[in-house]
C-alpha atoms as a PDB file:
ATOM      1  CA  MET A   1    -273.348  78.379  18.994  1.00  0.00           C
ATOM      2  CA  LEU A   2    -269.980  80.093  18.706  1.00  0.00           C
ATOM      3  CA  GLY A   3    -269.435  83.526  17.254  1.00  0.00           C
ATOM      4  CA  ILE A   4    -266.704  85.946  16.403  1.00  0.00           C
ATOM      5  CA  ALA A   5    -266.643  89.571  17.503  1.00  0.00           C
ATOM      6  CA  VAL A   6    -265.591  91.827  14.661  1.00  0.00           C
ATOM      7  CA  ALA A   7    -263.758  95.053  15.537  1.00  0.00           C
ATOM      8  CA  ALA A   8    -263.012  96.350  12.036  1.00  0.00           C
ATOM      9  CA  VAL A   9    -265.801  95.370   9.687  1.00  0.00           C
ATOM     10  CA  ASN A  10    -264.816  97.576   6.786  1.00  0.00           C
ATOM     11  CA  PRO A  11    -262.437  96.086   4.566  1.00  0.00           C
ATOM     12  CA  ILE A  12    -263.182  92.581   5.805  1.00  0.00           C
ATOM     13  CA  GLU A  13    -266.202  90.637   4.566  1.00  0.00           C
ATOM     14  CA  TRP A  14    -267.002  87.595   6.720  1.00  0.00           C
ATOM     15  CA  LYS A  15    -268.609  84.508   5.208  1.00  0.00           C
ATOM     16  CA  SER A  16    -270.285  84.029   8.608  1.00  0.00           C
ATOM     17  CA  THR A  17    -269.681  85.339  12.117  1.00  0.00           C
ATOM     18  CA  ILE A  18    -271.761  82.637  13.835  1.00  0.00           C
ATOM     19  CA  LEU A  19    -271.442  78.857  13.549  1.00  0.00           C
ATOM     20  CA  ASP A  20    -274.057  76.522  15.012  1.00  0.00           C
ATOM     21  CA  ILE A  21    -272.189  73.421  16.192  1.00  0.00           C
ATOM     22  CA  GLY A  22    -275.323  71.805  17.580  1.00  0.00           C
ATOM     23  CA  GLU A  23    -275.246  69.607  20.643  1.00  0.00           C
ATOM     24  CA  VAL A  24    -271.756  68.833  21.904  1.00  0.00           C
ATOM     25  CA  LYS A  25    -270.929  65.909  24.192  1.00  0.00           C
ATOM     26  CA  SER A  26    -268.676  66.383  27.201  1.00  0.00           C
ATOM     27  CA  GLY A  27    -265.024  66.034  26.254  1.00  0.00           C
ATOM     28  CA  GLU A  28    -265.719  66.477  22.537  1.00  0.00           C
ATOM     29  CA  VAL A  29    -263.537  68.753  20.378  1.00  0.00           C
ATOM     30  CA  GLN A  30    -264.949  70.868  17.533  1.00  0.00           C
ATOM     31  CA  ASN A  31    -262.704  72.483  14.896  1.00  0.00           C
ATOM     32  CA  LEU A  32    -264.205  75.619  13.359  1.00  0.00           C
ATOM     33  CA  GLU A  33    -263.243  78.054  10.593  1.00  0.00           C
ATOM     34  CA  PHE A  34    -264.319  81.679  10.246  1.00  0.00           C
ATOM     35  CA  GLU A  35    -263.597  82.576   6.623  1.00  0.00           C
ATOM     36  CA  PHE A  36    -263.178  86.152   5.435  1.00  0.00           C
ATOM     37  CA  THR A  37    -262.152  88.119   2.347  1.00  0.00           C
ATOM     38  CA  ASN A  38    -260.127  91.331   2.211  1.00  0.00           C
ATOM     39  CA  LYS A  39    -262.378  93.641   0.171  1.00  0.00           C
ATOM     40  CA  SER A  40    -260.067  96.664   0.397  1.00  0.00           C
ATOM     41  CA  ASP A  41    -257.397  97.854  -2.011  1.00  0.00           C
ATOM     42  CA  GLN A  42    -254.653  97.413   0.627  1.00  0.00           C
ATOM     43  CA  SER A  43    -253.183  94.455   2.511  1.00  0.00           C
ATOM     44  CA  VAL A  44    -254.689  93.715   5.934  1.00  0.00           C
ATOM     45  CA  THR A  45    -252.940  92.209   8.955  1.00  0.00           C
ATOM     46  CA  ILE A  46    -254.824  90.500  11.794  1.00  0.00           C
ATOM     47  CA  LEU A  47    -253.059  91.640  14.964  1.00  0.00           C
ATOM     48  CA  GLU A  48    -254.976  89.571  17.492  1.00  0.00           C
ATOM     49  CA  ALA A  49    -257.686  86.932  17.699  1.00  0.00           C
ATOM     50  CA  LYS A  50    -258.667  85.235  20.939  1.00  0.00           C
ATOM     51  CA  GLY A  51    -261.376  83.144  22.528  1.00  0.00           C
ATOM     52  CA  SER A  52    -263.583  84.415  25.326  1.00  0.00           C
ATOM     53  CA  CYS A  53    -262.791  81.465  27.592  1.00  0.00           C
ATOM     54  CA  GLY A  54    -260.175  78.778  28.159  1.00  0.00           C
ATOM     55  CA  CYS A  55    -262.229  76.215  26.217  1.00  0.00           C
ATOM     56  CA  THR A  56    -261.449  77.822  22.839  1.00  0.00           C
ATOM     57  CA  ASN A  57    -258.037  78.046  21.160  1.00  0.00           C
ATOM     58  CA  VAL A  58    -257.835  80.507  18.283  1.00  0.00           C
ATOM     59  CA  VAL A  59    -255.282  80.688  15.447  1.00  0.00           C
ATOM     60  CA  HIS A  60    -255.197  83.575  12.979  1.00  0.00           C
ATOM     61  CA  PRO A  61    -253.102  84.216   9.864  1.00  0.00           C
ATOM     62  CA  LYS A  62    -249.828  85.931  10.747  1.00  0.00           C
ATOM     63  CA  ALA A  63    -249.046  87.065   7.189  1.00  0.00           C
ATOM     64  CA  GLU A  64    -250.683  90.006   5.449  1.00  0.00           C
ATOM     65  CA  ILE A  65    -253.891  89.255   3.579  1.00  0.00           C
ATOM     66  CA  ALA A  66    -253.653  90.843   0.123  1.00  0.00           C
ATOM     67  CA  PRO A  67    -256.571  92.687  -1.529  1.00  0.00           C
ATOM     68  CA  GLY A  68    -259.136  90.171  -2.764  1.00  0.00           C
ATOM     69  CA  GLU A  69    -257.509  87.305  -0.827  1.00  0.00           C
ATOM     70  CA  THR A  70    -259.574  84.942   1.305  1.00  0.00           C
ATOM     71  CA  ALA A  71    -258.240  83.575   4.594  1.00  0.00           C
ATOM     72  CA  SER A  72    -259.665  82.183   7.824  1.00  0.00           C
ATOM     73  CA  ILE A  73    -259.405  82.252  11.585  1.00  0.00           C
ATOM     74  CA  SER A  74    -259.486  78.766  13.127  1.00  0.00           C
ATOM     75  CA  ALA A  75    -260.971  77.954  16.488  1.00  0.00           C
ATOM     76  CA  GLN A  76    -260.808  74.693  18.382  1.00  0.00           C
ATOM     77  CA  PHE A  77    -263.579  74.320  20.971  1.00  0.00           C
ATOM     78  CA  LYS A  78    -262.945  71.768  23.723  1.00  0.00           C
ATOM     79  CA  SER A  79    -266.067  71.012  25.715  1.00  0.00           C
ATOM     80  CA  SER A  80    -265.807  70.246  29.382  1.00  0.00           C
ATOM     81  CA  LYS A  81    -269.559  69.968  30.051  1.00  0.00           C
ATOM     82  CA  ALA A  82    -272.422  68.425  28.121  1.00  0.00           C
ATOM     83  CA  GLY A  83    -274.477  71.004  26.256  1.00  0.00           C
END
């Protein structure tokens, strides 16, 4: 299971903060998306998004997310051990 830690919950509404990727074989790569919507009346900018270990690469939108707009943070999990 992979999750996302949320620092500023209030104008952002997350579709889900936890994704169950099930059993992953050694060497397998999983591409994940954490979708969110800007529920405020102002644009929001994601300043930083990072994984908690070297097995996860994270990419976040660099542009402002306008009010009402939906965007996502992508994560690529590369397994090095069976699990």
